[in-house]
C-alpha atoms as a PDB file:
ATOM      1  CA  UNK A   1      29.908  32.308  78.448  1.00  0.00           C
ATOM      2  CA  UNK A   2      32.475  34.957  77.614  1.00  0.00           C
ATOM      3  CA  UNK A   3      34.470  32.451  75.507  1.00  0.00           C
ATOM      4  CA  UNK A   4      31.370  31.476  73.489  1.00  0.00           C
ATOM      5  CA  UNK A   5      30.537  35.147  72.941  1.00  0.00           C
ATOM      6  CA  UNK A   6      34.114  35.936  71.822  1.00  0.00           C
ATOM      7  CA  UNK A   7      34.131  32.999  69.397  1.00  0.00           C
ATOM      8  CA  UNK A   8      30.767  34.025  67.944  1.00  0.00           C
ATOM      9  CA  UNK A   9      31.990  37.605  67.494  1.00  0.00           C
ATOM     10  CA  UNK A  10      35.119  36.384  65.674  1.00  0.00           C
ATOM     11  CA  UNK A  11      33.135  34.156  63.289  1.00  0.00           C
ATOM     12  CA  UNK A  12      30.704  36.995  62.569  1.00  0.00           C
ATOM     13  CA  UNK A  13      33.583  39.413  61.844  1.00  0.00           C
ATOM     14  CA  UNK A  14      35.191  36.957  59.408  1.00  0.00           C
ATOM     15  CA  UNK A  15      31.873  36.404  57.610  1.00  0.00           C
ATOM     16  CA  UNK A  16      31.274  40.140  57.267  1.00  0.00           C
ATOM     17  CA  UNK A  17      34.815  40.669  55.965  1.00  0.00           C
ATOM     18  CA  UNK A  18      34.307  37.929  53.358  1.00  0.00           C
ATOM     19  CA  UNK A  19      31.060  39.513  52.201  1.00  0.00           C
ATOM     20  CA  UNK A  20      32.691  42.945  51.884  1.00  0.00           C
ATOM     21  CA  UNK A  21      35.689  41.646  49.931  1.00  0.00           C
ATOM     22  CA  UNK A  22      33.628  39.387  47.685  1.00  0.00           C
ATOM     23  CA  UNK A  23      34.798  36.180  46.018  1.00  0.00           C
ATOM     24  CA  UNK A  24      37.795  36.361  43.648  1.00  0.00           C
ATOM     25  CA  UNK A  25      36.848  36.526  39.963  1.00  0.00           C
ATOM     26  CA  UNK A  26      38.411  34.194  37.420  1.00  0.00           C
ATOM     27  CA  UNK A  27      39.565  35.792  34.152  1.00  0.00           C
ATOM     28  CA  UNK A  28      38.226  33.890  31.173  1.00  0.00           C
ATOM     29  CA  UNK A  29      39.787  33.749  27.711  1.00  0.00           C
ATOM     30  CA  UNK A  30      37.421  35.333  25.149  1.00  0.00           C
ATOM     31  CA  UNK A  31      35.840  32.906  22.702  1.00  0.00           C
ATOM     32  CA  UNK A  32      37.637  32.598  19.368  1.00  0.00           C
ATOM     33  CA  UNK A  33      35.746  33.912  16.330  1.00  0.00           C
ATOM     34  CA  UNK A  34      36.448  33.872  12.609  1.00  0.00           C
ATOM     35  CA  UNK A  35      35.127  36.129   9.837  1.00  0.00           C
ATOM     36  CA  UNK A  36      35.688  36.122   6.072  1.00  0.00           C
ATOM     37  CA  UNK A  37      35.964  39.146   3.779  1.00  0.00           C
ATOM     38  CA  UNK A  38      33.559  37.795   1.160  1.00  0.00           C
ATOM     39  CA  UNK A  39      30.844  35.143   1.257  1.00  0.00           C
ATOM     40  CA  UNK A  40      31.742  33.984  -2.256  1.00  0.00           C
ATOM     41  CA  UNK A  41      34.788  34.494  -4.491  1.00  0.00           C
ATOM     42  CA  UNK A  42      35.793  33.483  -8.019  1.00  0.00           C
ATOM     43  CA  UNK A  43      38.354  30.743  -8.734  1.00  0.00           C
ATOM     44  CA  UNK A  44      41.888  31.967  -7.906  1.00  0.00           C
ATOM     45  CA  UNK A  45      40.442  34.996  -6.158  1.00  0.00           C
ATOM     46  CA  UNK A  46      41.571  35.633  -2.586  1.00  0.00           C
ATOM     47  CA  UNK A  47      39.466  35.751   0.540  1.00  0.00           C
ATOM     48  CA  UNK A  48      40.783  37.259   3.768  1.00  0.00           C
ATOM     49  CA  UNK A  49      40.025  35.574   7.089  1.00  0.00           C
ATOM     50  CA  UNK A  50      40.185  37.528  10.354  1.00  0.00           C
ATOM     51  CA  UNK A  51      40.339  36.072  13.859  1.00  0.00           C
ATOM     52  CA  UNK A  52      39.404  37.648  17.180  1.00  0.00           C
ATOM     53  CA  UNK A  53      39.313  36.504  20.789  1.00  0.00           C
ATOM     54  CA  UNK A  54      41.375  33.694  22.209  1.00  0.00           C
ATOM     55  CA  UNK A  55      44.847  34.534  23.471  1.00  0.00           C
ATOM     56  CA  UNK A  56      45.656  36.859  20.547  1.00  0.00           C
ATOM     57  CA  UNK A  57      47.949  34.259  18.945  1.00  0.00           C
ATOM     58  CA  UNK A  58      46.405  32.191  16.146  1.00  0.00           C
ATOM     59  CA  UNK A  59      47.145  29.158  13.997  1.00  0.00           C
ATOM     60  CA  UNK A  60      45.307  28.700  10.683  1.00  0.00           C
ATOM     61  CA  UNK A  61      44.516  25.457   8.871  1.00  0.00           C
ATOM     62  CA  UNK A  62      42.218  24.319   6.104  1.00  0.00           C
ATOM     63  CA  UNK A  63      41.500  22.106   3.114  1.00  0.00           C
ATOM     64  CA  UNK A  64      44.575  21.554   0.932  1.00  0.00           C
ATOM     65  CA  UNK A  65      46.660  23.866   3.124  1.00  0.00           C
ATOM     66  CA  UNK A  66      49.961  22.605   4.503  1.00  0.00           C
ATOM     67  CA  UNK A  67      50.938  25.822   6.301  1.00  0.00           C
ATOM     68  CA  UNK A  68      51.962  25.247   9.914  1.00  0.00           C
ATOM     69  CA  UNK A  69      53.595  28.586  10.740  1.00  0.00           C
ATOM     70  CA  UNK A  70      50.754  31.043  10.064  1.00  0.00           C
ATOM     71  CA  UNK A  71      50.139  32.854  13.333  1.00  0.00           C
ATOM     72  CA  UNK A  72      48.710  36.326  12.563  1.00  0.00           C
ATOM     73  CA  UNK A  73      45.141  37.438  13.170  1.00  0.00           C
ATOM     74  CA  UNK A  74      44.590  37.609   9.377  1.00  0.00           C
ATOM     75  CA  UNK A  75      45.208  34.977   6.735  1.00  0.00           C
ATOM     76  CA  UNK A  76      44.520  34.917   2.984  1.00  0.00           C
ATOM     77  CA  UNK A  77      43.507  31.864   0.927  1.00  0.00           C
ATOM     78  CA  UNK A  78      42.572  31.178  -2.698  1.00  0.00           C
ATOM     79  CA  UNK A  79      41.498  28.012  -4.508  1.00  0.00           C
ATOM     80  CA  UNK A  80      41.494  27.271  -8.270  1.00  0.00           C
ATOM     81  CA  UNK A  81      38.371  25.106  -8.314  1.00  0.00           C
ATOM     82  CA  UNK A  82      34.741  25.826  -7.357  1.00  0.00           C
ATOM     83  CA  UNK A  83      33.640  24.351  -4.052  1.00  0.00           C
ATOM     84  CA  UNK A  84      33.066  24.987  -0.371  1.00  0.00           C
ATOM     85  CA  UNK A  85      36.198  25.129   1.771  1.00  0.00           C
ATOM     86  CA  UNK A  86      36.339  25.302   5.590  1.00  0.00           C
ATOM     87  CA  UNK A  87      39.150  27.352   7.164  1.00  0.00           C
ATOM     88  CA  UNK A  88      39.815  26.879  10.877  1.00  0.00           C
ATOM     89  CA  UNK A  89      41.607  29.151  13.340  1.00  0.00           C
ATOM     90  CA  UNK A  90      42.819  27.911  16.730  1.00  0.00           C
ATOM     91  CA  UNK A  91      43.863  29.894  19.797  1.00  0.00           C
ATOM     92  CA  UNK A  92      44.251  28.984  23.478  1.00  0.00           C
ATOM     93  CA  UNK A  93      42.780  25.532  22.903  1.00  0.00           C
ATOM     94  CA  UNK A  94      39.682  26.913  21.166  1.00  0.00           C
ATOM     95  CA  UNK A  95      38.747  26.743  17.480  1.00  0.00           C
ATOM     96  CA  UNK A  96      36.400  28.526  15.103  1.00  0.00           C
ATOM     97  CA  UNK A  97      35.669  27.754  11.465  1.00  0.00           C
ATOM     98  CA  UNK A  98      34.762  30.002   8.531  1.00  0.00           C
ATOM     99  CA  UNK A  99      33.422  28.782   5.203  1.00  0.00           C
ATOM    100  CA  UNK A 100      34.929  29.930   1.901  1.00  0.00           C
ATOM    101  CA  UNK A 101      32.754  29.433  -1.185  1.00  0.00           C
ATOM    102  CA  UNK A 102      34.386  29.455  -4.627  1.00  0.00           C
ATOM    103  CA  UNK A 103      31.907  29.787  -7.492  1.00  0.00           C
ATOM    104  CA  UNK A 104      31.537  31.207 -10.998  1.00  0.00           C
ATOM    105  CA  UNK A 105      34.109  31.875 -13.710  1.00  0.00           C
ATOM    106  CA  UNK A 106      36.534  34.686 -14.430  1.00  0.00           C
ATOM    107  CA  UNK A 107      35.510  36.881 -17.367  1.00  0.00           C
ATOM    108  CA  UNK A 108      37.682  36.667 -20.480  1.00  0.00           C
ATOM    109  CA  UNK A 109      40.182  39.525 -20.672  1.00  0.00           C
ATOM    110  CA  UNK A 110      39.657  40.532 -17.034  1.00  0.00           C
ATOM    111  CA  UNK A 111      42.604  42.064 -15.219  1.00  0.00           C
ATOM    112  CA  UNK A 112      44.227  39.349 -13.108  1.00  0.00           C
ATOM    113  CA  UNK A 113      47.028  39.499 -10.561  1.00  0.00           C
ATOM    114  CA  UNK A 114      48.580  36.113  -9.896  1.00  0.00           C
ATOM    115  CA  UNK A 115      49.109  34.232  -7.786  1.00  0.00           C
ATOM    116  CA  UNK A 116      46.096  35.547  -5.914  1.00  0.00           C
ATOM    117  CA  UNK A 117      47.672  34.369  -2.647  1.00  0.00           C
ATOM    118  CA  UNK A 118      51.175  33.196  -1.905  1.00  0.00           C
ATOM    119  CA  UNK A 119      53.083  32.280   1.238  1.00  0.00           C
ATOM    120  CA  UNK A 120      56.653  33.425   1.860  1.00  0.00           C
ATOM    121  CA  UNK A 121      58.909  33.710   4.887  1.00  0.00           C
ATOM    122  CA  UNK A 122      60.725  36.811   6.077  1.00  0.00           C
ATOM    123  CA  UNK A 123      63.224  37.944   3.453  1.00  0.00           C
ATOM    124  CA  UNK A 124      61.948  35.502   0.833  1.00  0.00           C
ATOM    125  CA  UNK A 125      60.939  36.958  -2.521  1.00  0.00           C
ATOM    126  CA  UNK A 126      57.300  37.121  -3.601  1.00  0.00           C
ATOM    127  CA  UNK A 127      56.765  37.171  -7.368  1.00  0.00           C
ATOM    128  CA  UNK A 128      53.672  38.610  -9.071  1.00  0.00           C
ATOM    129  CA  UNK A 129      52.394  38.626 -12.650  1.00  0.00           C
ATOM    130  CA  UNK A 130      49.610  40.556 -14.399  1.00  0.00           C
ATOM    131  CA  UNK A 131      47.457  39.521 -17.356  1.00  0.00           C
ATOM    132  CA  UNK A 132      44.410  40.995 -19.074  1.00  0.00           C
ATOM    133  CA  UNK A 133      43.469  44.631 -18.946  1.00  0.00           C
ATOM    134  CA  UNK A 134      45.047  46.908 -21.541  1.00  0.00           C
ATOM    135  CA  UNK A 135      48.480  45.263 -21.378  1.00  0.00           C
ATOM    136  CA  UNK A 136      49.987  48.236 -19.529  1.00  0.00           C
ATOM    137  CA  UNK A 137      50.303  47.864 -15.777  1.00  0.00           C
ATOM    138  CA  UNK A 138      51.141  49.920 -12.703  1.00  0.00           C
ATOM    139  CA  UNK A 139      52.036  48.170  -9.428  1.00  0.00           C
ATOM    140  CA  UNK A 140      51.496  49.625  -5.960  1.00  0.00           C
ATOM    141  CA  UNK A 141      51.614  48.500  -2.334  1.00  0.00           C
ATOM    142  CA  UNK A 142      51.082  50.245   1.015  1.00  0.00           C
ATOM    143  CA  UNK A 143      53.880  48.077   2.428  1.00  0.00           C
ATOM    144  CA  UNK A 144      56.601  49.116  -0.058  1.00  0.00           C
ATOM    145  CA  UNK A 145      58.205  52.208  -1.541  1.00  0.00           C
ATOM    146  CA  UNK A 146      58.068  51.561  -5.288  1.00  0.00           C
ATOM    147  CA  UNK A 147      60.141  53.607  -7.717  1.00  0.00           C
ATOM    148  CA  UNK A 148      59.798  51.478 -10.855  1.00  0.00           C
ATOM    149  CA  UNK A 149      56.201  50.344 -11.013  1.00  0.00           C
ATOM    150  CA  UNK A 150      55.675  49.341 -14.663  1.00  0.00           C
ATOM    151  CA  UNK A 151      55.816  45.952 -16.354  1.00  0.00           C
ATOM    152  CA  UNK A 152      53.837  42.732 -16.493  1.00  0.00           C
ATOM    153  CA  UNK A 153      55.590  41.318 -13.443  1.00  0.00           C
ATOM    154  CA  UNK A 154      56.925  42.402 -10.094  1.00  0.00           C
ATOM    155  CA  UNK A 155      59.088  41.027  -7.293  1.00  0.00           C
ATOM    156  CA  UNK A 156      59.128  42.076  -3.641  1.00  0.00           C
ATOM    157  CA  UNK A 157      60.393  40.973  -0.236  1.00  0.00           C
ATOM    158  CA  UNK A 158      59.052  41.959   3.176  1.00  0.00           C
ATOM    159  CA  UNK A 159      60.733  42.679   6.505  1.00  0.00           C
ATOM    160  CA  UNK A 160      57.799  41.875   8.805  1.00  0.00           C
ATOM    161  CA  UNK A 161      55.297  39.054   9.144  1.00  0.00           C
ATOM    162  CA  UNK A 162      51.598  39.411   8.432  1.00  0.00           C
ATOM    163  CA  UNK A 163      49.189  39.864   5.553  1.00  0.00           C
ATOM    164  CA  UNK A 164      50.562  42.104   2.767  1.00  0.00           C
ATOM    165  CA  UNK A 165      48.850  43.477  -0.341  1.00  0.00           C
ATOM    166  CA  UNK A 166      50.129  44.129  -3.861  1.00  0.00           C
ATOM    167  CA  UNK A 167      47.822  45.898  -6.327  1.00  0.00           C
ATOM    168  CA  UNK A 168      48.089  46.222 -10.096  1.00  0.00           C
ATOM    169  CA  UNK A 169      46.144  48.708 -12.223  1.00  0.00           C
ATOM    170  CA  UNK A 170      45.418  48.750 -15.937  1.00  0.00           C
ATOM    171  CA  UNK A 171      43.057  50.994 -17.880  1.00  0.00           C
ATOM    172  CA  UNK A 172      41.541  52.444 -14.717  1.00  0.00           C
ATOM    173  CA  UNK A 173      40.818  48.997 -13.227  1.00  0.00           C
ATOM    174  CA  UNK A 174      42.673  47.561 -10.231  1.00  0.00           C
ATOM    175  CA  UNK A 175      43.011  44.144  -8.650  1.00  0.00           C
ATOM    176  CA  UNK A 176      45.013  42.872  -5.706  1.00  0.00           C
ATOM    177  CA  UNK A 177      47.268  39.957  -4.842  1.00  0.00           C
ATOM    178  CA  UNK A 178      47.836  38.959  -1.218  1.00  0.00           C
ATOM    179  CA  UNK A 179      50.945  37.644   0.502  1.00  0.00           C
ATOM    180  CA  UNK A 180      51.050  35.773   3.803  1.00  0.00           C
ATOM    181  CA  UNK A 181      54.504  36.601   5.198  1.00  0.00           C
ATOM    182  CA  UNK A 182      55.214  33.805   7.644  1.00  0.00           C
ATOM    183  CA  UNK A 183      57.742  33.140  10.368  1.00  0.00           C
ATOM    184  CA  UNK A 184      59.234  29.781  11.228  1.00  0.00           C
ATOM    185  CA  UNK A 185      60.462  27.009   8.978  1.00  0.00           C
ATOM    186  CA  UNK A 186      61.408  28.259   5.495  1.00  0.00           C
ATOM    187  CA  UNK A 187      59.260  27.296   2.530  1.00  0.00           C
ATOM    188  CA  UNK A 188      60.670  26.083  -0.817  1.00  0.00           C
ATOM    189  CA  UNK A 189      62.248  29.021  -2.687  1.00  0.00           C
ATOM    190  CA  UNK A 190      60.259  30.886  -5.314  1.00  0.00           C
ATOM    191  CA  UNK A 191      61.566  30.217  -8.827  1.00  0.00           C
ATOM    192  CA  UNK A 192      62.351  33.602 -10.378  1.00  0.00           C
ATOM    193  CA  UNK A 193      62.354  33.864 -14.196  1.00  0.00           C
ATOM    194  CA  UNK A 194      65.684  34.960 -15.719  1.00  0.00           C
ATOM    195  CA  UNK A 195      66.072  38.713 -15.927  1.00  0.00           C
ATOM    196  CA  UNK A 196      63.547  39.480 -13.182  1.00  0.00           C
ATOM    197  CA  UNK A 197      64.722  42.649 -11.382  1.00  0.00           C
ATOM    198  CA  UNK A 198      65.208  43.170  -7.673  1.00  0.00           C
ATOM    199  CA  UNK A 199      62.554  44.536  -5.300  1.00  0.00           C
ATOM    200  CA  UNK A 200      60.977  47.692  -6.646  1.00  0.00           C
ATOM    201  CA  UNK A 201      61.372  46.829 -10.328  1.00  0.00           C
ATOM    202  CA  UNK A 202      59.073  45.550 -13.031  1.00  0.00           C
ATOM    203  CA  UNK A 203      59.737  43.296 -15.971  1.00  0.00           C
ATOM    204  CA  UNK A 204      58.155  42.522 -19.312  1.00  0.00           C
ATOM    205  CA  UNK A 205      58.079  46.148 -20.391  1.00  0.00           C
END
């Protein structure tokens, strides 16, 4: 009788201990989400995609994109032709898709920074050109210290990966080009026109 009572007391104690400690919780990876900066853009105008959730490391892919080393939480894309383009971000085995709509036409004489989006690797030059506006341009970027900001073109290189911005102003109007600075396998080199200055300089004055 004493043995049965002792065994029952032990089982009861274990059960109470389990109830007080509770069952272990399993950490779950947050669902991946994707958002786009604008529901609709003009041809050759950039849209910025932002990812959240997942593991915090992201890979971007989409229509007519051959980039395999884009891993930041933001990615910029532009397309020359009207249409609807899906852009997908993947993280921790999960995926989410945003839709980019390209519609309309660019007004004649509008200030344009081109290319609207370009992809470079660390240390690789990014080359920009301005058209339209008054014909006089000022370049600026929060990622660079610029001492010679005039000219119809500009060249820059970046020391860190991620989404970078380059703005050009003319006649009180501004527009922005975007650069995806990527890590990993190098991309084909940018062809620089003869006479184009080093980072921080303009050309076509």
